[in-house]
Amino acid sequence: MTTCLVRFCSITFSLLLLCSFLAQAANKNATLIFAAEMNNIEHTDEGSYPELATLLKEYRQQPQPTFFIFGGGSLGPSSLASFDRGAHIIDILNTLEPNALGVAKREFSFHEDELSLRAYEAAFPVVASNIYDPLNLGQLDGLATTAVLQQGNIKIGFISVLDKSVVSEYALKRVQISSSQQAIEKYAQQLRQQQVDLIVVHYSNPLAVIDNLLTEGIIDIAMRKDEHFHLLEIAKRPSHPNNIFLTEATNVAVIDIKISNTPPKLSVDWHIKSLNNMTKDPAVNHQVLKYSAHLSKLLDEQIGTLTTELDTTRLNVRTQENPLGNFITDALKSFSGADIAIINGGTIRGEAHYDANHILTRRDIAKELPFRNRVVVMEVTGGQIIQALESGLSQIQDVKGRFPQVSGLEVTYAADHPPYERVTAVKVNHQPIDTDKLYKLATSDYIAGGGDGYAVFKQSKKLNYNNQMTRLIADIVIDTIRRQKIISPKLEARLVNSNATVDPMDD
């Protein structure tokens, strides 16, 4: 009797162990860390890559699998990227070892071929799921359309989609962007057939259909970051709990994933970690400091004195006349001998406040004008100028980079009028514009190529000019400051909103 009881207990214990093992095998747990939009490594007072490295180490030391997905938006623009086209970001990311990078629009800061080069330098897949390159009859060279990411016993299917606006906004010469929804649905089905445990989608522009795709179970997790979301009063936050959305520059999402197979169930719980509260990883911090030291040697030269205050924050350069915008366009107009000059407000990227009597350095201008744009002079009609201004003023409520900064023009507009019906009066050098007259326009090669909605200039005749050379716009501005030694940019009623009491972000 005793022997039978012992055997019974032994069998029961074995069954319990087996059941426990099967239960554990049926459940899969993982952590997914999502970060994005970290284009500037110089923010020493804010958490950045060294702090992110510490966070990753902390989670990677835990027993359950940890995935790290980087949401792009970082290869440009920045002072250092203007020299190496974002190669330093890839170098730092190679140290952090992301499982994948989802391409966002800033990855095209230096156009398609530079992105291809950066993708070949990356030790991880660089994913863009709705790009078509006619040159390759398929994907842009070096990029992946999707990725299957595996850690431990969990497989993730990863998709990253771009908005079609990236083609005009970044004046892309070659690639085409297909429907985000169709790409997600197509590749989600293909990835399911590869027996992935869940589908994760990265997207970098608002995409209303994402919540529906999550609700219908076509995808399982979506993630996006927009640190300028607070400027858009009419924008809506995602509503689905698995649609993960970051809005602060130094925030990272830590996502806990639990998958049960009996019955099938996915549980997603996420929270925000601020990199500002993390210690710096010594190795990555050393890497960042080496790049910063190299940049200091190049950019710490003093070039002049600013006697007036300047504000180059996003709202100031993208919704109204800006003193620095006036100074830059004046410099281009003078350098080229053109009648007028126009740049897009999105060219100015410093997001900075300067006090009066600030000593300007090359660093300041490199920060404000990080793109490697050059001057182009074109022959355009007065009618084309008005069309261009209408396009530039068409998205004030969305704080878009196409907002114009001008020289030689006095523009009156009504921000509360419908888009493309906002310009009410234009003068060229104090005279009413003649829609049929030909004018010499100085602008950037980016605008001349139709970038940021300025397609009206795309076929305009290019002109030679006396100072024509390959100098960057940033260099022309630096030369102008050096020559003048003391500058005092100010507002001059070049862009006047006739209903100025209306908030520029109200449609």
Protein backbone atom coordinates (compact mmCIF):
# COMPACT_ATOMS: atom_id res chain seq x y z
CA MET A 1 0.00 0.00 0.00
CA THR A 2 2.79 2.37 0.93
CA THR A 3 4.69 1.58 -2.30
CA CYS A 4 1.58 2.29 -4.39
CA LEU A 5 1.08 5.61 -2.59
CA VAL A 6 4.70 6.61 -3.25
CA ARG A 7 4.38 5.72 -6.93
CA PHE A 8 1.10 7.65 -7.16
CA CYS A 9 2.67 10.74 -5.59
CA SER A 10 5.70 10.44 -7.87
CA ILE A 11 3.51 10.21 -10.99
CA THR A 12 1.36 13.09 -9.80
CA PHE A 13 4.44 15.26 -9.20
CA SER A 14 5.79 14.39 -12.64
CA LEU A 15 2.47 15.30 -14.23
CA LEU A 16 2.46 18.61 -12.40
CA LEU A 17 5.98 19.36 -13.63
CA LEU A 18 4.97 18.43 -17.17
CA CYS A 19 1.87 20.62 -17.00
CA SER A 20 3.97 23.47 -15.65
CA PHE A 21 6.49 23.03 -18.45
CA LEU A 22 3.76 22.92 -21.09
CA ALA A 23 2.13 26.01 -19.63
CA GLN A 24 5.42 27.88 -19.76
CA ALA A 25 6.03 26.68 -23.31
CA ALA A 26 2.58 27.94 -24.30
CA ASN A 27 3.29 31.43 -22.95
CA LYS A 28 5.83 33.79 -24.48
CA ASN A 29 7.02 36.99 -22.86
CA ALA A 30 9.23 39.74 -24.28
CA THR A 31 10.15 43.39 -23.89
CA LEU A 32 10.17 45.76 -26.85
CA ILE A 33 11.98 49.10 -26.58
CA PHE A 34 11.08 51.84 -29.06
CA ALA A 35 13.05 55.06 -29.62
CA ALA A 36 13.17 57.52 -32.53
CA GLU A 37 13.95 61.07 -33.71
CA MET A 38 17.42 61.44 -32.15
CA ASN A 39 19.19 63.41 -34.87
CA ASN A 40 21.29 65.72 -32.69
CA ILE A 41 23.98 64.21 -30.47
CA GLU A 42 25.01 67.60 -29.06
CA HIS A 43 22.19 67.98 -26.52
CA THR A 44 24.45 67.38 -23.51
CA ASP A 45 21.76 68.60 -21.11
CA GLU A 46 19.22 66.07 -22.37
CA GLY A 47 19.17 62.28 -22.44
CA SER A 48 20.41 60.83 -25.71
CA TYR A 49 22.31 57.80 -27.03
CA PRO A 50 24.53 57.21 -23.95
CA GLU A 51 21.44 57.07 -21.72
CA LEU A 52 19.59 54.90 -24.22
CA ALA A 53 22.54 52.46 -24.13
CA THR A 54 22.19 52.22 -20.34
CA LEU A 55 18.46 51.51 -20.64
CA LEU A 56 19.08 48.79 -23.22
CA LYS A 57 21.72 47.11 -21.07
CA GLU A 58 19.35 47.07 -18.12
CA TYR A 59 16.65 45.21 -20.03
CA ARG A 60 18.99 42.95 -21.97
CA GLN A 61 20.34 41.58 -18.70
CA GLN A 62 16.87 40.30 -17.79
CA PRO A 63 15.94 36.68 -18.63
CA GLN A 64 13.13 37.42 -21.08
CA PRO A 65 13.94 38.44 -24.69
CA THR A 66 14.41 42.16 -25.41
CA PHE A 67 13.84 43.73 -28.84
CA PHE A 68 15.05 47.22 -29.73
CA ILE A 69 13.35 48.97 -32.64
CA PHE A 70 14.62 52.39 -33.70
CA GLY A 71 12.07 54.55 -35.48
CA GLY A 72 14.48 56.58 -37.58
CA GLY A 73 14.02 60.31 -38.07
CA SER A 74 17.68 60.78 -37.17
CA LEU A 75 20.11 60.72 -40.12
CA GLY A 76 19.55 64.45 -40.54
CA PRO A 77 19.35 67.32 -40.26
CA SER A 78 22.07 68.30 -37.78
CA SER A 79 25.34 70.19 -37.73
CA LEU A 80 27.40 67.01 -37.91
CA ALA A 81 25.16 65.39 -40.51
CA SER A 82 25.88 68.32 -42.84
CA PHE A 83 29.45 66.98 -42.95
CA ASP A 84 28.98 63.18 -42.94
CA ARG A 85 25.35 62.76 -44.13
CA GLY A 86 24.34 60.92 -40.97
CA ALA A 87 27.13 58.30 -40.91
CA HIS A 88 27.84 59.06 -37.24
CA ILE A 89 24.27 58.10 -36.30
CA ILE A 90 24.68 54.69 -37.96
CA ASP A 91 28.02 54.25 -36.20
CA ILE A 92 26.44 54.93 -32.79
CA LEU A 93 23.44 52.71 -33.57
CA ASN A 94 25.77 49.87 -34.55
CA THR A 95 27.07 50.04 -30.99
CA LEU A 96 23.51 49.98 -29.58
CA GLU A 97 22.54 47.04 -31.84
CA PRO A 98 18.90 47.67 -32.77
CA ASN A 99 16.98 44.74 -34.18
CA ALA A 100 15.75 47.03 -36.97
CA LEU A 101 15.48 50.67 -38.04
CA GLY A 102 12.23 51.94 -39.54
CA VAL A 103 12.84 54.60 -42.19
CA ALA A 104 11.20 57.99 -41.57
CA LYS A 105 11.27 61.10 -43.75
CA ARG A 106 14.43 62.58 -42.20
CA GLU A 107 16.38 59.59 -43.48
CA PHE A 108 16.02 61.31 -46.88
CA SER A 109 17.70 64.53 -45.71
CA PHE A 110 20.52 63.85 -48.19
CA HIS A 111 18.38 61.98 -50.73
CA GLU A 112 18.08 58.38 -51.86
CA ASP A 113 21.64 57.41 -52.66
CA GLU A 114 23.01 58.62 -49.31
CA LEU A 115 20.33 56.58 -47.53
CA SER A 116 21.45 53.53 -49.51
CA LEU A 117 25.04 54.10 -48.36
CA ARG A 118 23.96 54.44 -44.73
CA ALA A 119 21.91 51.22 -45.02
CA TYR A 120 25.00 49.32 -46.18
CA GLU A 121 26.95 50.72 -43.21
CA ALA A 122 24.28 49.48 -40.76
CA ALA A 123 24.73 46.16 -38.98
CA PHE A 124 20.93 45.83 -38.75
CA PRO A 125 18.06 45.86 -41.27
CA VAL A 126 16.91 49.29 -42.46
CA VAL A 127 13.25 48.79 -43.33
CA ALA A 128 10.91 50.71 -45.64
CA SER A 129 7.89 48.71 -46.77
CA ASN A 130 6.21 50.98 -49.34
CA ILE A 131 9.14 52.31 -51.39
CA TYR A 132 9.60 51.55 -55.09
CA ASP A 133 12.82 52.48 -56.90
CA PRO A 134 12.41 52.32 -60.71
CA LEU A 135 16.20 52.06 -61.07
CA ASN A 136 16.12 48.68 -59.28
CA LEU A 137 12.59 47.72 -60.34
CA GLY A 138 11.93 47.23 -56.64
CA GLN A 139 13.35 48.21 -53.29
CA LEU A 140 15.86 51.03 -52.84
CA ASP A 141 19.35 49.54 -52.80
CA GLY A 142 20.43 48.39 -49.33
CA LEU A 143 16.99 48.60 -47.71
CA ALA A 144 14.74 45.75 -46.59
CA THR A 145 11.01 45.70 -47.33
CA THR A 146 10.17 43.83 -44.09
CA ALA A 147 12.12 42.03 -41.39
CA VAL A 148 11.55 38.98 -39.21
CA LEU A 149 13.11 39.65 -35.82
CA GLN A 150 13.74 36.78 -33.43
CA GLN A 151 14.85 36.80 -29.81
CA GLY A 152 14.49 33.62 -27.75
CA ASN A 153 11.23 31.91 -28.65
CA ILE A 154 9.47 35.02 -30.04
CA LYS A 155 9.37 36.06 -33.70
CA ILE A 156 8.23 39.57 -34.68
CA GLY A 157 7.27 40.58 -38.19
CA PHE A 158 8.33 44.21 -38.71
CA ILE A 159 6.84 46.66 -41.22
CA SER A 160 7.71 50.36 -41.65
CA VAL A 161 5.75 52.72 -43.90
CA LEU A 162 6.33 56.24 -45.18
CA ASP A 163 3.84 58.93 -46.12
CA LYS A 164 3.65 59.90 -49.81
CA SER A 165 4.38 63.53 -48.89
CA VAL A 166 8.06 62.64 -48.36
CA VAL A 167 8.60 62.74 -52.15
CA SER A 168 7.66 66.42 -52.52
CA GLU A 169 8.80 67.49 -49.06
CA TYR A 170 12.34 66.19 -49.61
CA ALA A 171 12.42 66.69 -53.40
CA LEU A 172 13.23 63.03 -54.04
CA LYS A 173 14.40 62.44 -57.58
CA ARG A 174 13.59 58.80 -58.11
CA VAL A 175 11.73 56.73 -55.55
CA GLN A 176 7.97 56.35 -55.39
CA ILE A 177 5.85 55.78 -52.28
CA SER A 178 2.86 53.44 -52.51
CA SER A 179 -0.23 53.25 -50.29
CA SER A 180 0.67 52.69 -46.64
CA GLN A 181 -2.51 50.72 -45.94
CA GLN A 182 -2.07 48.40 -48.92
CA ALA A 183 1.57 47.76 -48.02
CA ILE A 184 0.69 46.96 -44.40
CA GLU A 185 -2.11 44.59 -45.35
CA LYS A 186 -0.01 42.83 -48.00
CA TYR A 187 3.09 42.32 -45.90
CA ALA A 188 1.21 41.50 -42.70
CA GLN A 189 -0.37 38.56 -44.51
CA GLN A 190 3.00 37.40 -45.85
CA LEU A 191 4.61 37.65 -42.42
CA ARG A 192 1.78 35.67 -40.79
CA GLN A 193 2.56 32.88 -43.26
CA GLN A 194 6.10 32.86 -41.87
CA GLN A 195 4.64 31.95 -38.46
CA VAL A 196 5.58 35.19 -36.69
CA ASP A 197 4.06 35.65 -33.24
CA LEU A 198 3.01 39.25 -33.83
CA ILE A 199 3.15 42.06 -36.39
CA VAL A 200 4.71 45.40 -35.42
CA VAL A 201 4.27 48.47 -37.65
CA HIS A 202 6.32 51.65 -37.51
CA TYR A 203 4.88 54.76 -39.16
CA SER A 204 6.17 58.33 -38.99
CA ASN A 205 3.23 60.45 -40.23
CA PRO A 206 -0.38 60.50 -38.98
CA LEU A 207 -2.22 57.48 -40.40
CA ALA A 208 -5.84 57.18 -39.31
CA VAL A 209 -6.25 53.62 -40.60
CA ILE A 210 -3.75 52.25 -38.04
CA ASP A 211 -6.35 52.05 -35.25
CA ASN A 212 -8.67 50.05 -37.54
CA LEU A 213 -5.89 47.67 -38.57
CA LEU A 214 -5.17 47.04 -34.89
CA THR A 215 -8.85 46.51 -34.05
CA GLU A 216 -9.25 44.05 -36.94
CA GLY A 217 -6.18 42.10 -35.83
CA ILE A 218 -4.33 42.64 -39.11
CA ILE A 219 -1.45 44.05 -37.07
CA ASP A 220 -0.74 43.77 -33.35
CA ILE A 221 1.34 46.80 -32.32
CA ALA A 222 1.95 50.17 -34.01
CA MET A 223 4.48 52.80 -32.96
CA ARG A 224 5.20 56.39 -33.85
CA LYS A 225 7.01 59.42 -32.45
CA ASP A 226 6.31 63.11 -33.14
CA GLU A 227 8.07 65.53 -30.81
CA HIS A 228 6.28 68.48 -32.51
CA PHE A 229 2.77 67.10 -31.93
CA HIS A 230 2.04 69.85 -29.37
CA LEU A 231 2.12 72.47 -32.15
CA LEU A 232 -0.85 70.90 -33.93
CA GLU A 233 -3.97 71.88 -32.04
CA ILE A 234 -6.32 69.99 -34.37
CA ALA A 235 -4.33 66.76 -34.39
CA LYS A 236 -5.76 63.67 -32.70
CA ARG A 237 -3.93 61.12 -30.60
CA PRO A 238 -4.30 57.44 -31.49
CA SER A 239 -7.14 55.74 -29.64
CA HIS A 240 -6.18 52.05 -29.75
CA PRO A 241 -4.19 50.98 -26.66
CA ASN A 242 -1.65 49.13 -28.83
CA ASN A 243 -1.00 52.24 -30.94
CA ILE A 244 2.07 53.53 -29.12
CA PHE A 245 2.72 57.26 -29.57
CA LEU A 246 5.60 59.29 -28.14
CA THR A 247 5.52 63.10 -28.14
CA GLU A 248 8.49 64.16 -26.00
CA ALA A 249 12.01 64.42 -27.43
CA THR A 250 13.80 62.31 -24.80
CA ASN A 251 11.09 59.71 -24.15
CA VAL A 252 11.37 56.01 -24.97
CA ALA A 253 8.58 53.41 -24.93
CA VAL A 254 9.12 50.18 -22.98
CA ILE A 255 6.54 47.62 -24.11
CA ASP A 256 5.81 44.42 -22.20
CA ILE A 257 4.47 41.66 -24.44
CA LYS A 258 2.77 38.49 -23.24
CA ILE A 259 1.53 35.85 -25.66
CA SER A 260 -0.68 32.98 -24.53
CA ASN A 261 -1.39 30.13 -26.93
CA THR A 262 -4.08 28.38 -24.88
CA PRO A 263 -6.30 30.23 -25.53
CA PRO A 264 -4.57 32.51 -28.09
CA LYS A 265 -4.19 35.96 -26.57
CA LEU A 266 -1.81 38.91 -26.89
CA SER A 267 -1.36 41.23 -23.94
CA VAL A 268 0.46 44.55 -24.47
CA ASP A 269 1.32 46.88 -21.61
CA TRP A 270 3.64 49.84 -22.16
CA HIS A 271 5.05 52.76 -20.27
CA ILE A 272 7.33 55.73 -20.94
CA LYS A 273 10.91 56.04 -19.77
CA SER A 274 12.64 59.40 -19.83
CA LEU A 275 16.26 59.28 -20.92
CA ASN A 276 16.86 62.38 -18.81
CA ASN A 277 16.72 60.19 -15.70
CA MET A 278 19.27 57.62 -16.91
CA THR A 279 23.02 57.49 -16.36
CA LYS A 280 25.33 57.63 -19.37
CA ASP A 281 26.89 54.44 -20.69
CA PRO A 282 30.66 55.17 -20.62
CA ALA A 283 31.52 53.54 -23.97
CA VAL A 284 28.74 55.23 -25.94
CA ASN A 285 29.34 58.53 -24.15
CA HIS A 286 33.00 58.35 -25.22
CA GLN A 287 31.87 57.70 -28.78
CA VAL A 288 29.55 60.74 -28.73
CA LEU A 289 32.19 62.99 -27.13
CA LYS A 290 34.70 62.09 -29.86
CA TYR A 291 32.24 63.20 -32.53
CA SER A 292 31.37 66.36 -30.58
CA ALA A 293 35.06 67.23 -30.13
CA HIS A 294 35.67 66.83 -33.85
CA LEU A 295 32.68 69.08 -34.55
CA SER A 296 33.96 71.72 -32.12
CA LYS A 297 37.24 71.99 -34.03
CA LEU A 298 35.27 72.71 -37.18
CA LEU A 299 32.57 75.00 -35.83
CA ASP A 300 33.71 77.03 -32.80
CA GLU A 301 35.13 79.89 -34.90
CA GLN A 302 33.55 83.27 -34.04
CA ILE A 303 32.21 85.08 -37.12
CA GLY A 304 30.28 88.13 -35.85
CA THR A 305 27.98 89.76 -33.30
CA LEU A 306 24.19 89.69 -33.23
CA THR A 307 22.74 92.90 -31.73
CA THR A 308 19.06 91.89 -31.75
CA GLU A 309 17.20 88.95 -30.23
CA LEU A 310 16.37 86.04 -32.52
CA ASP A 311 13.87 83.19 -32.18
CA THR A 312 14.21 80.33 -34.65
CA THR A 313 11.80 77.90 -33.00
CA ARG A 314 9.60 75.88 -35.32
CA LEU A 315 6.46 78.01 -34.87
CA ASN A 316 8.35 81.24 -35.56
CA VAL A 317 9.96 80.21 -38.84
CA ARG A 318 6.98 78.25 -40.20
CA THR A 319 4.03 80.54 -39.55
CA GLN A 320 5.31 84.14 -39.85
CA GLU A 321 8.05 86.44 -41.09
CA ASN A 322 11.27 85.76 -39.22
CA PRO A 323 14.29 88.08 -38.85
CA LEU A 324 16.79 85.32 -39.59
CA GLY A 325 14.72 84.32 -42.62
CA ASN A 326 15.02 87.95 -43.77
CA PHE A 327 18.78 87.94 -43.27
CA ILE A 328 19.30 84.65 -45.13
CA THR A 329 17.16 85.64 -48.12
CA ASP A 330 18.82 89.09 -48.26
CA ALA A 331 22.21 87.37 -48.36
CA LEU A 332 21.09 85.12 -51.24
CA LYS A 333 19.57 88.04 -53.16
CA SER A 334 22.72 90.14 -52.76
CA PHE A 335 25.08 87.25 -53.55
CA SER A 336 23.29 86.30 -56.76
CA GLY A 337 22.11 89.71 -57.98
CA ALA A 338 18.54 88.44 -58.22
CA ASP A 339 15.38 90.58 -57.98
CA ILE A 340 13.89 88.49 -55.19
CA ALA A 341 14.76 85.51 -52.98
CA ILE A 342 12.57 82.84 -51.41
CA ILE A 343 13.44 79.97 -49.10
CA ASN A 344 11.15 77.63 -47.20
CA GLY A 345 10.95 78.17 -43.43
CA GLY A 346 11.76 74.48 -42.92
CA THR A 347 15.30 75.19 -44.12
CA ILE A 348 15.90 76.94 -40.78
CA ARG A 349 16.30 74.17 -38.18
CA GLY A 350 18.04 75.64 -35.13
CA GLU A 351 15.03 75.68 -32.76
CA ALA A 352 16.97 78.26 -30.75
CA HIS A 353 16.68 81.59 -28.89
CA TYR A 354 19.53 84.08 -29.21
CA ASP A 355 19.92 87.05 -26.87
CA ALA A 356 21.07 90.44 -28.09
CA ASN A 357 24.88 90.77 -28.24
CA HIS A 358 25.27 87.03 -28.82
CA ILE A 359 28.61 86.16 -30.43
CA LEU A 360 27.78 84.12 -33.51
CA THR A 361 29.89 81.10 -34.45
CA ARG A 362 30.01 78.77 -37.42
CA ARG A 363 28.22 76.28 -35.15
CA ASP A 364 25.18 78.59 -34.90
CA ILE A 365 24.82 78.82 -38.66
CA ALA A 366 25.52 75.11 -39.19
CA LYS A 367 22.78 74.37 -36.67
CA GLU A 368 20.34 76.77 -38.34
CA LEU A 369 21.17 75.67 -41.91
CA PRO A 370 22.23 72.00 -41.69
CA PHE A 371 21.11 70.98 -45.18
CA ARG A 372 23.72 71.08 -47.92
CA ASN A 373 21.67 73.39 -50.15
CA ARG A 374 23.14 75.64 -52.83
CA VAL A 375 21.88 78.79 -54.57
CA VAL A 376 19.98 78.57 -57.85
CA VAL A 377 18.83 81.62 -59.87
CA MET A 378 15.79 81.14 -62.09
CA GLU A 379 13.71 83.18 -64.47
CA VAL A 380 10.09 83.14 -63.26
CA THR A 381 6.93 85.08 -64.00
CA GLY A 382 5.02 87.15 -61.48
CA GLY A 383 2.21 84.62 -61.82
CA GLN A 384 4.55 81.79 -60.82
CA ILE A 385 5.71 83.77 -57.79
CA ILE A 386 2.10 84.17 -56.64
CA GLN A 387 1.46 80.45 -57.16
CA ALA A 388 4.56 79.63 -55.13
CA LEU A 389 3.50 81.95 -52.32
CA GLU A 390 0.03 80.38 -52.27
CA SER A 391 1.61 76.94 -51.91
CA GLY A 392 3.95 78.19 -49.20
CA LEU A 393 1.05 79.71 -47.24
CA SER A 394 -1.35 76.81 -47.79
CA GLN A 395 -0.46 74.82 -44.66
CA ILE A 396 0.13 77.47 -41.99
CA GLN A 397 -2.29 75.69 -39.66
CA ASP A 398 -0.13 72.55 -39.84
CA VAL A 399 3.14 74.42 -39.17
CA LYS A 400 4.67 72.95 -42.32
CA GLY A 401 8.16 73.75 -43.53
CA ARG A 402 6.95 75.14 -46.87
CA PHE A 403 6.06 78.51 -45.29
CA PRO A 404 8.07 81.15 -47.25
CA GLN A 405 10.75 83.52 -45.99
CA VAL A 406 11.39 86.24 -48.58
CA SER A 407 13.55 89.14 -49.77
CA GLY A 408 12.50 91.80 -52.31
CA LEU A 409 8.84 90.93 -51.72
CA GLU A 410 6.04 92.47 -49.67
CA VAL A 411 3.23 89.94 -49.31
CA THR A 412 -0.16 90.48 -47.74
CA TYR A 413 -2.20 87.37 -47.04
CA ALA A 414 -5.23 86.21 -45.06
CA ALA A 415 -4.50 83.09 -43.01
CA ASP A 416 -8.22 82.44 -42.45
CA HIS A 417 -8.96 82.19 -46.19
CA PRO A 418 -9.07 78.77 -47.88
CA PRO A 419 -5.71 77.32 -48.96
CA TYR A 420 -4.49 78.66 -52.32
CA GLU A 421 -6.75 81.71 -51.90
CA ARG A 422 -4.74 83.45 -49.19
CA VAL A 423 -2.49 85.88 -51.07
CA THR A 424 -4.24 89.27 -51.34
CA ALA A 425 -1.41 91.56 -52.51
CA VAL A 426 2.23 91.25 -53.63
CA LYS A 427 4.85 93.89 -54.33
CA VAL A 428 8.28 93.33 -55.86
CA ASN A 429 10.78 95.89 -54.59
CA HIS A 430 7.88 98.18 -53.59
CA GLN A 431 6.06 97.93 -56.94
CA PRO A 432 2.88 95.87 -57.55
CA ILE A 433 3.79 92.52 -59.03
CA ASP A 434 3.20 92.05 -62.77
CA THR A 435 1.93 88.51 -63.36
CA ASP A 436 3.40 88.41 -66.89
CA LYS A 437 6.75 90.02 -66.17
CA LEU A 438 9.90 87.90 -65.83
CA TYR A 439 11.82 88.21 -62.57
CA LYS A 440 15.13 86.76 -61.38
CA LEU A 441 14.52 84.54 -58.37
CA ALA A 442 17.26 83.29 -56.03
CA THR A 443 16.39 80.20 -54.06
CA SER A 444 17.81 76.86 -52.94
CA ASP A 445 18.41 73.94 -55.27
CA TYR A 446 15.86 72.14 -53.08
CA ILE A 447 13.07 74.62 -53.90
CA ALA A 448 14.22 74.85 -57.53
CA GLY A 449 13.72 71.08 -57.76
CA GLY A 450 10.11 71.37 -56.57
CA GLY A 451 10.77 70.53 -52.92
CA ASP A 452 8.23 71.28 -50.17
CA GLY A 453 5.36 71.92 -52.58
CA TYR A 454 7.16 74.43 -54.83
CA ALA A 455 6.55 72.37 -57.99
CA VAL A 456 5.68 75.55 -59.91
CA PHE A 457 9.42 76.28 -60.21
CA LYS A 458 10.44 72.83 -61.36
CA GLN A 459 10.54 73.63 -65.09
CA SER A 460 11.77 77.23 -64.78
CA LYS A 461 14.80 78.38 -66.75
CA LYS A 462 18.05 78.35 -64.75
CA LEU A 463 20.25 81.42 -65.09
CA ASN A 464 23.96 82.02 -64.67
CA TYR A 465 25.02 84.81 -62.32
CA ASN A 466 28.23 86.68 -61.52
CA ASN A 467 29.11 84.95 -58.23
CA GLN A 468 28.04 81.51 -59.40
CA MET A 469 29.95 78.77 -57.60
CA THR A 470 29.29 75.64 -55.60
CA ARG A 471 29.28 77.26 -52.15
CA LEU A 472 26.59 76.15 -49.72
CA ILE A 473 23.90 78.60 -48.61
CA ALA A 474 25.25 78.23 -45.07
CA ASP A 475 28.70 79.35 -46.28
CA ILE A 476 27.20 82.37 -48.07
CA VAL A 477 25.44 83.40 -44.84
CA ILE A 478 28.68 82.92 -42.85
CA ASP A 479 30.59 85.04 -45.38
CA THR A 480 27.95 87.77 -45.12
CA ILE A 481 28.17 87.86 -41.32
CA ARG A 482 31.98 87.94 -41.44
CA ARG A 483 31.90 90.85 -43.88
CA GLN A 484 29.35 92.87 -41.89
CA LYS A 485 30.84 91.89 -38.48
CA ILE A 486 27.75 93.19 -36.65
CA ILE A 487 24.26 92.19 -37.77
CA SER A 488 20.81 93.30 -36.60
CA PRO A 489 18.12 91.22 -38.36
CA LYS A 490 14.61 92.55 -37.80
CA LEU A 491 11.01 92.29 -39.00
CA GLU A 492 10.20 94.51 -41.99
CA ALA A 493 6.54 93.74 -42.85
CA ARG A 494 7.57 91.46 -45.70
CA LEU A 495 4.86 88.92 -44.80
CA VAL A 496 1.73 90.51 -43.34
CA ASN A 497 -1.25 88.48 -42.19
CA SER A 498 -4.25 90.77 -42.72
CA ASN A 499 -6.20 88.88 -40.04
CA ALA A 500 -3.32 88.81 -37.56
CA THR A 501 -5.67 88.40 -34.60
CA VAL A 502 -6.38 84.87 -35.81
CA ASP A 503 -4.14 82.14 -34.36
CA PRO A 504 -1.91 80.93 -37.24
CA MET A 505 -2.69 77.33 -36.29
CA ASP A 506 -6.47 77.80 -36.60
CA ASP A 507 -7.78 76.70 -39.99
